[in-house]
Amino acid sequence: MNTKQVQKFVLSYLDSTGCHLVEKSPARVTVKLSPDADRALTNRPYYWSFVDRTGTPPETLTYAWSFDPPSAQDGQSSPLSYLMTPAGRVVQEGVYYGSRRLQQLFDVVHQGGRCVTLFEEPQRGTGDPFSSQPYTAWLGANFKVSFACDMRREELHSYGISLATGVIDDKFMDRLKGRRLTPRLPANVHLLRNGLSLRKGMSQLESTIERKLKNADFGWAVEAEQRRQDELARIGHYYEPLLKQAEDDAQRQLFSERFEQRKAEIDWQYRPRVTLTTINCGIFHLPGID
């Protein structure tokens, strides 16, 4: 990532979390964090537990982040420094590709992005400014399906379900392509009442993808099971004579433990299995009644 890309990413995060920009320039930004951003970035669990217990209005930190990467002479470290201003203390820090702060922002966004709520932005200059446009809530989820044995194949599936009507779209991410999404409810928009709960909607999505998987070709699993049986037979031919020829109970116990361990390893490696994982999900409010 270059400096402009880093700055764009950071400013997008600050905007989405409701932070207050005190000062902004092409290479630097001074920002007073929102409570959500402060909880995620400042590692002050004791302070926030005090705020939660007492109801005290929170006082969030102010950062001055520089986007210029350090020169070779400065090294690759990003030390903190502090500046006292009439408004309070400002923490100064470099945020560039490879810095610890940027990596923390990546981690926070990744974790927070596992479940989002977004609204499509209406096209500017269209529609009656005095009317309200209906929006339908869609539950969208990305699933990862792993077909594993001694080899592995993975598939990504994108599903969405209208919480108003129950309609299911098996290519939901394609529906979202090209749409401008925002975490804030646009003006002149009203949300239609949901007919399905989130739990019911997710249950229907999981049932839909399970039915699809049941109709998949499982020839690979039959072949993997045959390889498993072949491997079990091969180690059986090796260990069974050793067990019969063991000189005493201690040696027989040793061979038996090794035999069971090898069978467990082969079972783990070759036994065919299918796992379904939810990568991320979100509520997407889109125009129309679907």
Protein backbone atom coordinates (compact mmCIF):
# COMPACT_ATOMS: atom_id res chain seq x y z
CA MET A 1 0.00 0.00 0.00
CA ASN A 2 1.25 3.46 -0.81
CA THR A 3 0.73 6.55 1.35
CA LYS A 4 -2.49 7.62 -0.38
CA GLN A 5 -4.04 4.18 -0.01
CA VAL A 6 -3.13 4.07 3.67
CA GLN A 7 -4.61 7.53 4.23
CA LYS A 8 -7.81 6.61 2.38
CA PHE A 9 -8.21 3.46 4.46
CA VAL A 10 -7.60 5.26 7.76
CA LEU A 11 -9.97 8.13 6.94
CA SER A 12 -12.63 5.67 5.88
CA TYR A 13 -12.33 3.89 9.22
CA LEU A 14 -12.48 7.16 11.16
CA ASP A 15 -15.57 8.27 9.24
CA SER A 16 -17.38 4.95 9.68
CA THR A 17 -16.77 4.97 13.45
CA GLY A 18 -17.92 8.57 13.94
CA CYS A 19 -14.57 10.06 14.92
CA HIS A 20 -14.13 13.85 14.91
CA LEU A 21 -11.47 15.19 12.55
CA VAL A 22 -9.76 18.12 14.24
CA GLU A 23 -7.26 18.82 11.45
CA LYS A 24 -6.53 17.21 8.12
CA SER A 25 -3.72 17.64 5.60
CA PRO A 26 -2.35 15.48 2.75
CA ALA A 27 0.21 13.82 5.04
CA ARG A 28 -1.33 14.12 8.50
CA VAL A 29 -4.61 13.95 10.38
CA THR A 30 -5.50 14.93 13.92
CA VAL A 31 -8.55 13.09 15.21
CA LYS A 32 -10.50 12.79 18.43
CA LEU A 33 -11.62 9.20 18.62
CA SER A 34 -15.23 8.20 19.05
CA PRO A 35 -16.06 5.95 22.02
CA ASP A 36 -16.23 2.90 19.74
CA ALA A 37 -12.86 3.64 18.15
CA ASP A 38 -11.28 4.42 21.52
CA ARG A 39 -12.44 1.09 22.93
CA ALA A 40 -11.01 -0.74 19.92
CA LEU A 41 -7.67 1.05 19.60
CA THR A 42 -6.41 2.41 22.91
CA ASN A 43 -6.25 -0.70 25.11
CA ARG A 44 -7.86 0.96 28.14
CA PRO A 45 -10.10 -1.79 29.54
CA TYR A 46 -9.96 -0.50 33.12
CA TYR A 47 -10.96 3.01 32.09
CA TRP A 48 -13.88 1.78 30.01
CA SER A 49 -15.03 -0.60 32.72
CA PHE A 50 -15.08 2.43 35.07
CA VAL A 51 -17.12 4.42 32.52
CA ASP A 52 -19.56 1.54 32.09
CA ARG A 53 -20.00 1.07 35.84
CA THR A 54 -20.43 4.71 36.78
CA GLY A 55 -22.04 6.17 33.67
CA THR A 56 -19.38 8.89 33.55
CA PRO A 57 -19.21 10.72 30.19
CA PRO A 58 -16.16 9.22 28.43
CA GLU A 59 -13.14 11.30 27.55
CA THR A 60 -11.60 9.79 24.42
CA LEU A 61 -8.02 10.21 23.26
CA THR A 62 -6.82 12.49 20.49
CA TYR A 63 -4.25 11.27 17.97
CA ALA A 64 -2.10 13.02 15.39
CA TRP A 65 -1.30 10.42 12.77
CA SER A 66 1.37 11.03 10.15
CA PHE A 67 1.14 9.01 6.93
CA ASP A 68 4.71 9.59 5.76
CA PRO A 69 6.78 6.39 6.11
CA PRO A 70 10.07 6.75 7.97
CA SER A 71 13.24 7.19 5.97
CA ALA A 72 15.98 4.57 5.90
CA GLN A 73 18.01 6.64 8.36
CA ASP A 74 15.12 6.70 10.83
CA GLY A 75 14.64 2.93 10.76
CA GLN A 76 11.28 1.18 10.67
CA SER A 77 10.07 1.92 14.19
CA SER A 78 7.08 4.12 14.94
CA PRO A 79 7.67 5.63 18.42
CA LEU A 80 4.95 7.51 20.23
CA SER A 81 5.36 11.12 21.21
CA TYR A 82 3.07 13.48 23.05
CA LEU A 83 2.07 17.07 22.45
CA MET A 84 0.33 19.20 25.05
CA THR A 85 -2.25 21.59 23.61
CA PRO A 86 -4.89 23.84 25.22
CA ALA A 87 -7.46 21.14 24.36
CA GLY A 88 -5.42 18.42 26.07
CA ARG A 89 -2.77 15.85 25.27
CA VAL A 90 -2.33 14.70 21.66
CA VAL A 91 -0.63 11.38 20.92
CA GLN A 92 1.61 11.63 17.84
CA GLU A 93 2.33 8.50 15.81
CA GLY A 94 3.24 7.32 12.33
CA VAL A 95 0.68 5.24 10.43
CA TYR A 96 2.20 3.69 7.32
CA TYR A 97 2.37 0.30 5.66
CA GLY A 98 4.16 -2.00 8.08
CA SER A 99 3.47 0.06 11.20
CA ARG A 100 1.94 -1.55 14.25
CA ARG A 101 -0.92 0.96 14.32
CA LEU A 102 -1.95 0.19 10.75
CA GLN A 103 -1.83 -3.54 11.46
CA GLN A 104 -4.05 -2.93 14.48
CA LEU A 105 -6.52 -1.04 12.28
CA PHE A 106 -6.52 -3.95 9.81
CA ASP A 107 -7.28 -6.38 12.64
CA VAL A 108 -10.04 -4.20 14.09
CA VAL A 109 -11.70 -3.72 10.71
CA HIS A 110 -11.43 -7.43 9.93
CA GLN A 111 -13.02 -8.35 13.24
CA GLY A 112 -15.71 -5.67 13.00
CA GLY A 113 -16.40 -6.50 9.36
CA ARG A 114 -17.52 -10.01 10.21
CA CYS A 115 -20.99 -8.59 10.81
CA VAL A 116 -22.04 -5.23 9.36
CA THR A 117 -25.17 -3.15 8.80
CA LEU A 118 -25.18 -1.10 5.58
CA PHE A 119 -27.61 0.94 3.50
CA GLU A 120 -27.52 1.62 -0.21
CA GLU A 121 -27.07 5.29 -1.02
CA PRO A 122 -29.85 6.60 -3.32
CA GLN A 123 -28.72 8.12 -6.58
CA ARG A 124 -28.36 11.86 -6.29
CA GLY A 125 -30.92 14.02 -7.98
CA THR A 126 -33.46 11.23 -8.43
CA GLY A 127 -36.83 10.80 -6.80
CA ASP A 128 -39.17 13.16 -5.03
CA PRO A 129 -37.44 14.90 -2.11
CA PHE A 130 -40.76 14.95 -0.25
CA SER A 131 -41.47 11.21 -0.60
CA SER A 132 -39.97 8.23 1.20
CA GLN A 133 -38.47 5.25 -0.58
CA PRO A 134 -39.02 1.74 0.84
CA TYR A 135 -35.95 -0.34 1.70
CA THR A 136 -35.90 -4.09 2.27
CA ALA A 137 -33.47 -5.67 4.73
CA TRP A 138 -31.41 -8.57 3.35
CA LEU A 139 -29.36 -10.93 5.46
CA GLY A 140 -26.24 -11.70 3.44
CA ALA A 141 -23.63 -14.29 4.35
CA ASN A 142 -20.47 -15.69 2.81
CA PHE A 143 -19.87 -19.37 3.48
CA LYS A 144 -16.71 -21.40 3.03
CA VAL A 145 -17.16 -25.08 2.24
CA SER A 146 -14.12 -27.33 2.72
CA PHE A 147 -13.93 -30.80 1.16
CA ALA A 148 -11.04 -32.44 2.98
CA CYS A 149 -9.27 -35.79 3.04
CA ASP A 150 -5.58 -36.25 2.18
CA MET A 151 -6.29 -33.42 -0.25
CA ARG A 152 -8.37 -30.29 0.22
CA ARG A 153 -10.69 -28.24 -1.94
CA GLU A 154 -12.53 -25.13 -0.81
CA GLU A 155 -15.48 -23.27 -2.28
CA LEU A 156 -16.96 -19.88 -1.44
CA HIS A 157 -20.72 -19.42 -1.57
CA SER A 158 -22.57 -16.14 -1.23
CA TYR A 159 -26.20 -16.26 -0.13
CA GLY A 160 -28.73 -13.62 0.80
CA ILE A 161 -32.29 -13.79 2.06
CA SER A 162 -34.88 -11.03 2.12
CA LEU A 163 -36.04 -10.65 5.69
CA ALA A 164 -39.29 -9.19 4.38
CA THR A 165 -40.35 -11.89 1.89
CA GLY A 166 -38.00 -14.85 2.44
CA VAL A 167 -36.68 -14.74 -1.15
CA ILE A 168 -33.20 -16.32 -1.35
CA ASP A 169 -30.48 -15.15 -3.74
CA ASP A 170 -27.63 -17.66 -4.21
CA LYS A 171 -25.38 -15.02 -5.79
CA PHE A 172 -25.97 -12.23 -3.31
CA MET A 173 -22.53 -10.62 -3.60
CA ASP A 174 -23.15 -10.12 -7.32
CA ARG A 175 -26.29 -8.19 -6.34
CA LEU A 176 -24.16 -5.85 -4.22
CA LYS A 177 -21.54 -5.15 -6.89
CA GLY A 178 -21.55 -1.56 -8.06
CA ARG A 179 -23.80 -0.36 -5.24
CA ARG A 180 -22.68 2.47 -2.98
CA LEU A 181 -23.17 1.39 0.63
CA THR A 182 -23.04 3.48 3.78
CA PRO A 183 -23.38 2.65 7.48
CA ARG A 184 -25.80 5.58 7.91
CA LEU A 185 -29.51 5.57 7.07
CA PRO A 186 -30.01 7.84 4.02
CA ALA A 187 -32.57 10.61 4.00
CA ASN A 188 -36.09 10.03 2.61
CA VAL A 189 -35.92 6.29 3.24
CA HIS A 190 -38.14 4.06 5.35
CA LEU A 191 -37.43 0.47 6.28
CA LEU A 192 -40.00 -2.21 5.59
CA ARG A 193 -41.04 -4.46 8.43
CA ASN A 194 -39.20 -7.77 8.58
CA GLY A 195 -41.19 -10.96 8.31
CA LEU A 196 -38.25 -13.13 9.38
CA SER A 197 -35.99 -12.89 12.40
CA LEU A 198 -32.22 -12.97 11.94
CA ARG A 199 -32.07 -16.42 13.52
CA LYS A 200 -34.76 -17.76 11.17
CA GLY A 201 -33.14 -16.14 8.15
CA MET A 202 -29.72 -17.63 8.91
CA SER A 203 -31.31 -21.01 9.56
CA GLN A 204 -32.93 -20.93 6.11
CA LEU A 205 -29.64 -19.97 4.46
CA GLU A 206 -27.83 -22.82 6.19
CA SER A 207 -30.58 -25.27 5.18
CA THR A 208 -30.38 -24.07 1.58
CA ILE A 209 -26.63 -24.57 1.28
CA GLU A 210 -26.85 -27.93 3.06
CA ARG A 211 -29.40 -29.13 0.47
CA LYS A 212 -27.08 -27.97 -2.29
CA LEU A 213 -24.15 -29.84 -0.77
CA LYS A 214 -26.16 -33.06 -0.47
CA ASN A 215 -26.57 -33.03 -4.25
CA ALA A 216 -22.84 -32.53 -4.89
CA ASP A 217 -20.58 -35.17 -6.44
CA PHE A 218 -18.96 -37.18 -3.64
CA GLY A 219 -16.87 -39.46 -5.84
CA TRP A 220 -13.79 -37.91 -4.24
CA ALA A 221 -14.99 -39.14 -0.82
CA VAL A 222 -15.38 -42.71 -2.07
CA GLU A 223 -11.85 -42.60 -3.47
CA ALA A 224 -10.49 -41.11 -0.24
CA GLU A 225 -12.16 -43.84 1.83
CA GLN A 226 -10.59 -46.48 -0.39
CA ARG A 227 -7.15 -44.91 0.14
CA ARG A 228 -7.81 -44.89 3.88
CA GLN A 229 -8.64 -48.59 3.89
CA ASP A 230 -5.55 -49.33 1.79
CA GLU A 231 -3.32 -47.46 4.24
CA LEU A 232 -4.90 -49.21 7.23
CA ALA A 233 -4.31 -52.56 5.57
CA ARG A 234 -0.69 -51.63 4.80
CA ILE A 235 0.21 -50.72 8.38
CA GLY A 236 -1.75 -53.74 9.59
CA HIS A 237 0.54 -55.98 7.58
CA TYR A 238 3.48 -54.31 9.34
CA TYR A 239 2.30 -54.18 12.96
CA GLU A 240 0.27 -57.40 13.30
CA PRO A 241 3.35 -59.66 12.91
CA LEU A 242 5.21 -57.48 15.40
CA LEU A 243 2.42 -57.92 17.94
CA LYS A 244 2.47 -61.69 17.50
CA GLN A 245 6.25 -61.85 17.79
CA ALA A 246 6.54 -59.55 20.79
CA GLU A 247 8.88 -60.95 23.42
CA ASP A 248 6.92 -59.73 26.44
CA ASP A 249 3.87 -57.72 27.49
CA ALA A 250 5.82 -54.46 27.66
CA GLN A 251 6.99 -54.77 24.05
CA ARG A 252 3.52 -55.84 22.94
CA GLN A 253 2.03 -52.78 24.69
CA LEU A 254 4.57 -50.53 22.95
CA PHE A 255 3.77 -51.96 19.49
CA SER A 256 0.04 -51.73 20.22
CA GLU A 257 0.27 -48.03 21.18
CA ARG A 258 2.26 -47.23 18.04
CA PHE A 259 -0.24 -49.19 15.93
CA GLU A 260 -3.19 -47.27 17.37
CA GLN A 261 -1.37 -43.98 16.91
CA ARG A 262 -0.67 -44.71 13.24
CA LYS A 263 -4.31 -45.74 12.68
CA ALA A 264 -5.48 -42.47 14.25
CA GLU A 265 -3.08 -40.48 12.04
CA ILE A 266 -4.29 -42.24 8.89
CA ASP A 267 -7.90 -41.76 9.92
CA TRP A 268 -7.32 -38.02 10.41
CA GLN A 269 -5.47 -37.70 7.10
CA TYR A 270 -7.67 -39.76 4.79
CA ARG A 271 -11.19 -39.80 6.26
CA PRO A 272 -13.38 -37.62 3.99
CA ARG A 273 -15.16 -34.73 5.68
CA VAL A 274 -17.10 -31.63 4.69
CA THR A 275 -17.07 -28.52 6.87
CA LEU A 276 -19.20 -25.41 6.46
CA THR A 277 -17.97 -22.13 7.94
CA THR A 278 -19.60 -18.71 7.98
CA ILE A 279 -16.88 -16.21 7.00
CA ASN A 280 -18.91 -13.04 7.53
CA CYS A 281 -22.43 -11.73 7.32
CA GLY A 282 -24.37 -8.48 7.31
CA ILE A 283 -27.71 -6.74 7.10
CA PHE A 284 -27.98 -4.88 3.79
CA HIS A 285 -30.88 -2.47 3.34
CA LEU A 286 -31.61 -2.20 -0.38
CA PRO A 287 -34.30 -0.22 -2.23
CA GLY A 288 -37.43 -2.01 -3.35
CA ILE A 289 -39.75 -4.66 -2.01
CA ASP A 290 -38.19 -8.08 -2.55
